[in-house]
Amino acid sequence: MPENVLIAFDGSPLAERALTYAIENFSDATLTAIYVINPINSVMDVEAGGLSAAEDWYDNAKARATSIHGTATDIAVEHDIDLKTVTEVGRPARAILKYADEEDIDQIVMGSHGRSGIDRTFLGSVAETVTRRARIPVTIIA
């Protein structure tokens, strides 16, 4: 049984299912929900909003992360579980894998697709990359 479980959480319905799965199946482990701020998304925001958007994108992304962590925490509280939340900045798959390596994570749980990006036939690109490159077990929730 894993001691440290990382849940990729972006607030999407599949991420909520992944978190619920982790809570129900790894309740004795330390659970951490990770949200990754992807700077590439800021390019679209800046192009749409001009220079002021360039100055505000990170503050907006942090506010979005706080809101998403609130959703994750609410789900954990409903199940009477303590949940650690963390925000990283970078490419989502790389950030998830790096965090897992650096923080001694034993298991990763994530949805097959997230909120953004182009869906692949079976797995989203982040889920596919994490599954292929992780050195630990990854559970994908569809």
N, C-alpha and C. Protein backbone atom coordinates (compact mmCIF):
# COMPACT_ATOMS: atom_id res chain seq x y z
N MET A 1 0.85 -1.18 0.00
CA MET A 1 0.00 0.00 0.00
C MET A 1 0.89 1.24 0.00
N PRO A 2 0.62 2.18 -0.90
CA PRO A 2 1.45 3.39 -0.97
C PRO A 2 1.30 4.27 0.28
N GLU A 3 2.38 4.96 0.61
CA GLU A 3 2.36 5.88 1.74
C GLU A 3 2.07 7.32 1.32
N ASN A 4 2.51 7.68 0.09
CA ASN A 4 2.36 9.04 -0.42
C ASN A 4 1.75 8.99 -1.81
N VAL A 5 0.55 9.54 -1.95
CA VAL A 5 -0.18 9.50 -3.21
C VAL A 5 -0.35 10.92 -3.73
N LEU A 6 -0.01 11.10 -5.00
CA LEU A 6 -0.15 12.39 -5.67
C LEU A 6 -1.33 12.32 -6.62
N ILE A 7 -2.24 13.27 -6.50
CA ILE A 7 -3.41 13.33 -7.37
C ILE A 7 -3.29 14.58 -8.22
N ALA A 8 -3.26 14.40 -9.54
CA ALA A 8 -3.28 15.54 -10.45
C ALA A 8 -4.69 16.10 -10.44
N PHE A 9 -4.83 17.35 -10.04
CA PHE A 9 -6.17 17.92 -9.86
C PHE A 9 -6.26 19.27 -10.55
N ASP A 10 -7.11 19.33 -11.59
CA ASP A 10 -7.31 20.58 -12.32
C ASP A 10 -8.75 21.07 -12.22
N GLY A 11 -9.54 20.43 -11.37
CA GLY A 11 -10.93 20.84 -11.18
C GLY A 11 -11.90 20.23 -12.17
N SER A 12 -11.41 19.46 -13.13
CA SER A 12 -12.28 18.82 -14.13
C SER A 12 -13.06 17.67 -13.47
N PRO A 13 -14.15 17.25 -14.10
CA PRO A 13 -14.91 16.11 -13.54
C PRO A 13 -14.06 14.85 -13.38
N LEU A 14 -13.17 14.57 -14.32
CA LEU A 14 -12.32 13.39 -14.17
C LEU A 14 -11.30 13.56 -13.05
N ALA A 15 -10.83 14.76 -12.83
CA ALA A 15 -9.92 15.01 -11.71
C ALA A 15 -10.66 14.81 -10.39
N GLU A 16 -11.92 15.23 -10.34
CA GLU A 16 -12.72 14.99 -9.13
C GLU A 16 -12.91 13.50 -8.89
N ARG A 17 -13.15 12.75 -9.96
CA ARG A 17 -13.27 11.29 -9.83
C ARG A 17 -11.96 10.67 -9.38
N ALA A 18 -10.84 11.17 -9.90
CA ALA A 18 -9.52 10.66 -9.50
C ALA A 18 -9.27 10.93 -8.01
N LEU A 19 -9.61 12.11 -7.56
CA LEU A 19 -9.44 12.44 -6.15
C LEU A 19 -10.31 11.55 -5.27
N THR A 20 -11.56 11.37 -5.66
CA THR A 20 -12.46 10.49 -4.90
C THR A 20 -11.92 9.07 -4.87
N TYR A 21 -11.41 8.59 -6.00
CA TYR A 21 -10.82 7.25 -6.06
C TYR A 21 -9.66 7.15 -5.07
N ALA A 22 -8.77 8.13 -5.08
CA ALA A 22 -7.62 8.10 -4.18
C ALA A 22 -8.06 8.11 -2.72
N ILE A 23 -9.05 8.93 -2.41
CA ILE A 23 -9.56 9.00 -1.04
C ILE A 23 -10.13 7.65 -0.61
N GLU A 24 -10.89 7.03 -1.49
CA GLU A 24 -11.54 5.76 -1.15
C GLU A 24 -10.58 4.58 -1.12
N ASN A 25 -9.50 4.63 -1.91
CA ASN A 25 -8.61 3.48 -2.01
C ASN A 25 -7.28 3.64 -1.28
N PHE A 26 -6.91 4.86 -0.95
CA PHE A 26 -5.63 5.10 -0.27
C PHE A 26 -5.81 6.00 0.95
N SER A 27 -6.86 5.76 1.71
CA SER A 27 -7.20 6.65 2.82
C SER A 27 -6.14 6.66 3.92
N ASP A 28 -5.31 5.65 4.01
CA ASP A 28 -4.25 5.62 5.02
C ASP A 28 -2.98 6.33 4.56
N ALA A 29 -2.92 6.71 3.30
CA ALA A 29 -1.74 7.38 2.76
C ALA A 29 -1.84 8.89 2.95
N THR A 30 -0.70 9.55 2.81
CA THR A 30 -0.69 11.00 2.74
C THR A 30 -1.10 11.37 1.32
N LEU A 31 -2.17 12.14 1.19
CA LEU A 31 -2.70 12.52 -0.12
C LEU A 31 -2.34 13.96 -0.43
N THR A 32 -1.82 14.16 -1.64
CA THR A 32 -1.45 15.50 -2.09
C THR A 32 -2.09 15.75 -3.44
N ALA A 33 -2.83 16.85 -3.56
CA ALA A 33 -3.39 17.26 -4.84
C ALA A 33 -2.46 18.30 -5.44
N ILE A 34 -2.07 18.08 -6.69
CA ILE A 34 -1.18 19.01 -7.38
C ILE A 34 -1.92 19.69 -8.52
N TYR A 35 -1.76 20.99 -8.60
CA TYR A 35 -2.27 21.78 -9.72
C TYR A 35 -1.07 22.45 -10.36
N VAL A 36 -0.99 22.37 -11.68
CA VAL A 36 0.14 22.94 -12.40
C VAL A 36 -0.31 24.13 -13.22
N ILE A 37 0.32 25.27 -12.95
CA ILE A 37 0.11 26.47 -13.76
C ILE A 37 1.00 26.33 -14.98
N ASN A 38 0.38 26.29 -16.15
CA ASN A 38 1.11 26.12 -17.39
C ASN A 38 1.34 27.50 -18.03
N PRO A 39 2.58 27.99 -18.06
CA PRO A 39 2.84 29.32 -18.64
C PRO A 39 2.45 29.42 -20.11
N ILE A 40 2.40 28.30 -20.81
CA ILE A 40 2.01 28.34 -22.22
C ILE A 40 0.59 28.89 -22.36
N ASN A 41 -0.26 28.58 -21.38
CA ASN A 41 -1.63 29.11 -21.42
C ASN A 41 -1.64 30.63 -21.33
N SER A 42 -0.62 31.20 -20.70
CA SER A 42 -0.56 32.65 -20.56
C SER A 42 -0.38 33.34 -21.90
N VAL A 43 0.27 32.69 -22.85
CA VAL A 43 0.49 33.28 -24.16
C VAL A 43 -0.85 33.61 -24.80
N MET A 44 -1.79 32.67 -24.70
CA MET A 44 -3.12 32.92 -25.28
C MET A 44 -3.82 34.06 -24.55
N ASP A 45 -3.67 34.11 -23.23
CA ASP A 45 -4.29 35.18 -22.46
C ASP A 45 -3.71 36.54 -22.86
N VAL A 46 -2.40 36.60 -23.01
CA VAL A 46 -1.73 37.85 -23.37
C VAL A 46 -2.14 38.29 -24.77
N GLU A 47 -2.17 37.34 -25.71
CA GLU A 47 -2.57 37.70 -27.07
C GLU A 47 -4.00 38.21 -27.11
N ALA A 48 -4.85 37.65 -26.29
CA ALA A 48 -6.26 38.07 -26.28
C ALA A 48 -6.44 39.40 -25.54
N GLY A 49 -5.61 39.64 -24.51
CA GLY A 49 -5.84 40.81 -23.67
C GLY A 49 -4.82 41.91 -23.75
N GLY A 50 -3.75 41.74 -24.48
CA GLY A 50 -2.75 42.80 -24.61
C GLY A 50 -1.77 42.82 -23.44
N LEU A 51 -1.05 43.92 -23.31
CA LEU A 51 0.02 44.05 -22.34
C LEU A 51 -0.47 43.93 -20.90
N SER A 52 -1.63 44.48 -20.58
CA SER A 52 -2.13 44.39 -19.20
C SER A 52 -2.36 42.94 -18.82
N ALA A 53 -2.76 42.11 -19.79
CA ALA A 53 -2.94 40.68 -19.51
C ALA A 53 -1.60 40.04 -19.20
N ALA A 54 -0.53 40.52 -19.85
CA ALA A 54 0.81 39.98 -19.59
C ALA A 54 1.20 40.20 -18.14
N GLU A 55 0.82 41.34 -17.60
CA GLU A 55 1.16 41.64 -16.22
C GLU A 55 0.27 40.89 -15.23
N ASP A 56 -0.92 40.55 -15.65
CA ASP A 56 -1.89 39.94 -14.73
C ASP A 56 -1.99 38.43 -14.83
N TRP A 57 -1.40 37.81 -15.85
CA TRP A 57 -1.65 36.39 -16.08
C TRP A 57 -1.27 35.54 -14.88
N TYR A 58 -0.12 35.81 -14.25
CA TYR A 58 0.32 34.96 -13.14
C TYR A 58 -0.59 35.13 -11.93
N ASP A 59 -0.99 36.36 -11.63
CA ASP A 59 -1.92 36.58 -10.52
C ASP A 59 -3.24 35.86 -10.78
N ASN A 60 -3.71 35.94 -12.02
CA ASN A 60 -4.95 35.25 -12.39
C ASN A 60 -4.79 33.73 -12.27
N ALA A 61 -3.64 33.22 -12.69
CA ALA A 61 -3.38 31.78 -12.61
C ALA A 61 -3.30 31.32 -11.16
N LYS A 62 -2.67 32.12 -10.30
CA LYS A 62 -2.60 31.77 -8.87
C LYS A 62 -3.99 31.78 -8.25
N ALA A 63 -4.81 32.75 -8.62
CA ALA A 63 -6.18 32.81 -8.10
C ALA A 63 -6.98 31.59 -8.55
N ARG A 64 -6.80 31.19 -9.81
CA ARG A 64 -7.47 29.99 -10.33
C ARG A 64 -6.99 28.75 -9.55
N ALA A 65 -5.69 28.68 -9.28
CA ALA A 65 -5.14 27.55 -8.52
C ALA A 65 -5.74 27.50 -7.11
N THR A 66 -5.87 28.63 -6.48
CA THR A 66 -6.46 28.69 -5.14
C THR A 66 -7.90 28.19 -5.16
N SER A 67 -8.65 28.60 -6.17
CA SER A 67 -10.03 28.14 -6.30
C SER A 67 -10.10 26.63 -6.53
N ILE A 68 -9.24 26.13 -7.38
CA ILE A 68 -9.23 24.69 -7.68
C ILE A 68 -8.81 23.90 -6.45
N HIS A 69 -7.84 24.40 -5.70
CA HIS A 69 -7.45 23.73 -4.46
C HIS A 69 -8.61 23.73 -3.46
N GLY A 70 -9.39 24.80 -3.46
CA GLY A 70 -10.57 24.85 -2.59
C GLY A 70 -11.55 23.75 -2.91
N THR A 71 -11.76 23.51 -4.20
CA THR A 71 -12.65 22.42 -4.62
C THR A 71 -12.12 21.07 -4.14
N ALA A 72 -10.81 20.85 -4.32
CA ALA A 72 -10.20 19.59 -3.88
C ALA A 72 -10.33 19.42 -2.37
N THR A 73 -10.07 20.48 -1.64
CA THR A 73 -10.16 20.43 -0.18
C THR A 73 -11.59 20.14 0.26
N ASP A 74 -12.57 20.75 -0.40
CA ASP A 74 -13.98 20.49 -0.07
C ASP A 74 -14.32 19.01 -0.25
N ILE A 75 -13.84 18.41 -1.33
CA ILE A 75 -14.09 16.99 -1.56
C ILE A 75 -13.46 16.15 -0.46
N ALA A 76 -12.25 16.49 -0.07
CA ALA A 76 -11.57 15.74 0.99
C ALA A 76 -12.30 15.89 2.33
N VAL A 77 -12.76 17.10 2.64
CA VAL A 77 -13.48 17.34 3.89
C VAL A 77 -14.77 16.52 3.93
N GLU A 78 -15.45 16.42 2.78
CA GLU A 78 -16.67 15.60 2.72
C GLU A 78 -16.40 14.15 3.11
N HIS A 79 -15.17 13.69 2.89
CA HIS A 79 -14.79 12.32 3.21
C HIS A 79 -13.98 12.24 4.51
N ASP A 80 -13.90 13.35 5.23
CA ASP A 80 -13.17 13.43 6.49
C ASP A 80 -11.70 13.02 6.32
N ILE A 81 -11.08 13.53 5.26
CA ILE A 81 -9.69 13.22 4.93
C ILE A 81 -8.89 14.51 4.88
N ASP A 82 -7.66 14.46 5.41
CA ASP A 82 -6.75 15.59 5.27
C ASP A 82 -6.11 15.53 3.89
N LEU A 83 -6.01 16.66 3.24
CA LEU A 83 -5.44 16.72 1.90
C LEU A 83 -4.44 17.87 1.84
N LYS A 84 -3.24 17.56 1.41
CA LYS A 84 -2.24 18.59 1.15
C LYS A 84 -2.45 19.07 -0.28
N THR A 85 -2.31 20.37 -0.52
CA THR A 85 -2.40 20.89 -1.88
C THR A 85 -1.10 21.61 -2.21
N VAL A 86 -0.73 21.51 -3.48
CA VAL A 86 0.50 22.15 -3.94
C VAL A 86 0.27 22.68 -5.35
N THR A 87 0.89 23.83 -5.64
CA THR A 87 0.84 24.42 -6.97
C THR A 87 2.25 24.47 -7.50
N GLU A 88 2.42 24.00 -8.72
CA GLU A 88 3.71 24.06 -9.41
C GLU A 88 3.51 24.85 -10.70
N VAL A 89 4.59 25.35 -11.26
CA VAL A 89 4.54 26.09 -12.52
C VAL A 89 5.41 25.35 -13.53
N GLY A 90 4.86 25.13 -14.72
CA GLY A 90 5.62 24.47 -15.78
C GLY A 90 4.73 23.66 -16.68
N ARG A 91 5.36 22.83 -17.47
CA ARG A 91 4.58 21.92 -18.31
C ARG A 91 3.99 20.86 -17.39
N PRO A 92 2.69 20.62 -17.47
CA PRO A 92 2.02 19.77 -16.49
C PRO A 92 2.65 18.39 -16.28
N ALA A 93 2.90 17.64 -17.33
CA ALA A 93 3.45 16.28 -17.16
C ALA A 93 4.81 16.34 -16.48
N ARG A 94 5.67 17.23 -16.93
CA ARG A 94 7.00 17.35 -16.33
C ARG A 94 6.92 17.76 -14.86
N ALA A 95 6.04 18.71 -14.56
CA ALA A 95 5.91 19.18 -13.19
C ALA A 95 5.39 18.07 -12.26
N ILE A 96 4.44 17.30 -12.75
CA ILE A 96 3.90 16.19 -11.95
C ILE A 96 4.99 15.16 -11.68
N LEU A 97 5.71 14.77 -12.72
CA LEU A 97 6.77 13.77 -12.56
C LEU A 97 7.91 14.27 -11.67
N LYS A 98 8.29 15.52 -11.84
CA LYS A 98 9.36 16.10 -11.01
C LYS A 98 8.94 16.12 -9.55
N TYR A 99 7.72 16.57 -9.29
CA TYR A 99 7.23 16.61 -7.91
C TYR A 99 7.21 15.20 -7.31
N ALA A 100 6.72 14.25 -8.08
CA ALA A 100 6.66 12.86 -7.59
C ALA A 100 8.05 12.35 -7.23
N ASP A 101 9.03 12.63 -8.06
CA ASP A 101 10.41 12.19 -7.78
C ASP A 101 10.99 12.88 -6.56
N GLU A 102 10.79 14.18 -6.47
CA GLU A 102 11.41 14.96 -5.38
C GLU A 102 10.74 14.74 -4.03
N GLU A 103 9.46 14.39 -4.04
CA GLU A 103 8.71 14.29 -2.78
C GLU A 103 8.44 12.85 -2.36
N ASP A 104 9.12 11.90 -2.95
CA ASP A 104 9.01 10.50 -2.53
C ASP A 104 7.58 9.96 -2.66
N ILE A 105 6.93 10.29 -3.76
CA ILE A 105 5.57 9.82 -4.02
C ILE A 105 5.62 8.36 -4.46
N ASP A 106 4.68 7.54 -3.97
CA ASP A 106 4.62 6.11 -4.28
C ASP A 106 3.61 5.78 -5.39
N GLN A 107 2.65 6.66 -5.61
CA GLN A 107 1.54 6.38 -6.52
C GLN A 107 1.03 7.71 -7.06
N ILE A 108 0.68 7.74 -8.34
CA ILE A 108 0.05 8.90 -8.95
C ILE A 108 -1.34 8.48 -9.41
N VAL A 109 -2.33 9.32 -9.14
CA VAL A 109 -3.69 9.08 -9.60
C VAL A 109 -4.11 10.32 -10.39
N MET A 110 -4.67 10.08 -11.59
CA MET A 110 -5.09 11.21 -12.41
C MET A 110 -6.19 10.80 -13.37
N GLY A 111 -6.92 11.80 -13.83
CA GLY A 111 -7.95 11.56 -14.83
C GLY A 111 -7.32 11.34 -16.19
N SER A 112 -8.04 10.65 -17.05
CA SER A 112 -7.51 10.37 -18.38
C SER A 112 -7.42 11.62 -19.25
N HIS A 113 -8.21 12.63 -18.96
CA HIS A 113 -8.19 13.90 -19.68
C HIS A 113 -8.42 15.02 -18.68
N GLY A 114 -7.82 16.17 -18.96
CA GLY A 114 -8.01 17.32 -18.09
C GLY A 114 -8.92 18.35 -18.72
N ARG A 115 -8.86 19.53 -18.19
CA ARG A 115 -9.70 20.63 -18.65
C ARG A 115 -9.32 21.16 -20.02
N SER A 116 -8.04 21.11 -20.34
CA SER A 116 -7.61 21.77 -21.57
C SER A 116 -6.77 20.85 -22.43
N GLY A 117 -6.43 21.33 -23.59
CA GLY A 117 -5.59 20.57 -24.50
C GLY A 117 -6.42 19.73 -25.46
N ILE A 118 -5.75 19.19 -26.43
CA ILE A 118 -6.41 18.36 -27.43
C ILE A 118 -6.47 16.94 -26.89
N ASP A 119 -7.66 16.36 -26.86
CA ASP A 119 -7.82 15.00 -26.38
C ASP A 119 -7.29 14.02 -27.42
N ARG A 120 -6.60 13.01 -26.92
CA ARG A 120 -6.19 11.92 -27.80
C ARG A 120 -7.29 10.88 -27.77
N THR A 121 -7.14 9.81 -28.52
CA THR A 121 -8.19 8.81 -28.61
C THR A 121 -8.52 8.20 -27.26
N PHE A 122 -7.51 7.80 -26.50
CA PHE A 122 -7.77 7.15 -25.22
C PHE A 122 -7.28 7.98 -24.03
N LEU A 123 -6.16 8.64 -24.16
CA LEU A 123 -5.58 9.39 -23.06
C LEU A 123 -5.27 10.81 -23.50
N GLY A 124 -5.41 11.75 -22.59
CA GLY A 124 -4.93 13.09 -22.87
C GLY A 124 -3.41 13.08 -22.89
N SER A 125 -2.81 14.09 -23.46
CA SER A 125 -1.36 14.11 -23.61
C SER A 125 -0.63 14.12 -22.26
N VAL A 126 -1.17 14.79 -21.25
CA VAL A 126 -0.52 14.81 -19.94
C VAL A 126 -0.59 13.42 -19.31
N ALA A 127 -1.75 12.81 -19.33
CA ALA A 127 -1.90 11.47 -18.75
C ALA A 127 -1.00 10.47 -19.48
N GLU A 128 -0.95 10.58 -20.78
CA GLU A 128 -0.11 9.65 -21.55
C GLU A 128 1.36 9.82 -21.19
N THR A 129 1.84 11.04 -21.11
CA THR A 129 3.24 11.29 -20.79
C THR A 129 3.57 10.83 -19.38
N VAL A 130 2.72 11.14 -18.43
CA VAL A 130 2.97 10.70 -17.05
C VAL A 130 3.01 9.19 -16.98
N THR A 131 2.07 8.53 -17.63
CA THR A 131 2.02 7.07 -17.61
C THR A 131 3.29 6.47 -18.21
N ARG A 132 3.75 7.01 -19.31
CA ARG A 132 4.94 6.46 -19.97
C ARG A 132 6.22 6.72 -19.20
N ARG A 133 6.31 7.85 -18.53
CA ARG A 133 7.60 8.25 -17.94
C ARG A 133 7.71 8.06 -16.43
N ALA A 134 6.63 7.78 -15.77
CA ALA A 134 6.67 7.64 -14.31
C ALA A 134 7.45 6.39 -13.91
N ARG A 135 8.17 6.51 -12.82
CA ARG A 135 8.92 5.38 -12.26
C ARG A 135 8.12 4.66 -11.18
N ILE A 136 6.91 5.12 -10.99
CA ILE A 136 6.02 4.56 -9.96
C ILE A 136 4.68 4.24 -10.60
N PRO A 137 3.84 3.49 -9.91
CA PRO A 137 2.52 3.16 -10.49
C PRO A 137 1.68 4.42 -10.71
N VAL A 138 0.95 4.41 -11.82
CA VAL A 138 0.03 5.49 -12.16
C VAL A 138 -1.34 4.87 -12.38
N THR A 139 -2.34 5.39 -11.70
CA THR A 139 -3.71 4.95 -11.91
C THR A 139 -4.43 6.02 -12.71
N ILE A 140 -5.00 5.62 -13.85
CA ILE A 140 -5.72 6.54 -14.71
C ILE A 140 -7.22 6.29 -14.53
N ILE A 141 -7.95 7.35 -14.25
CA ILE A 141 -9.40 7.26 -14.06
C ILE A 141 -10.08 7.80 -15.33
N ALA A 142 -10.94 6.97 -15.88
CA ALA A 142 -11.66 7.38 -17.11
C ALA A 142 -13.10 7.69 -16.82
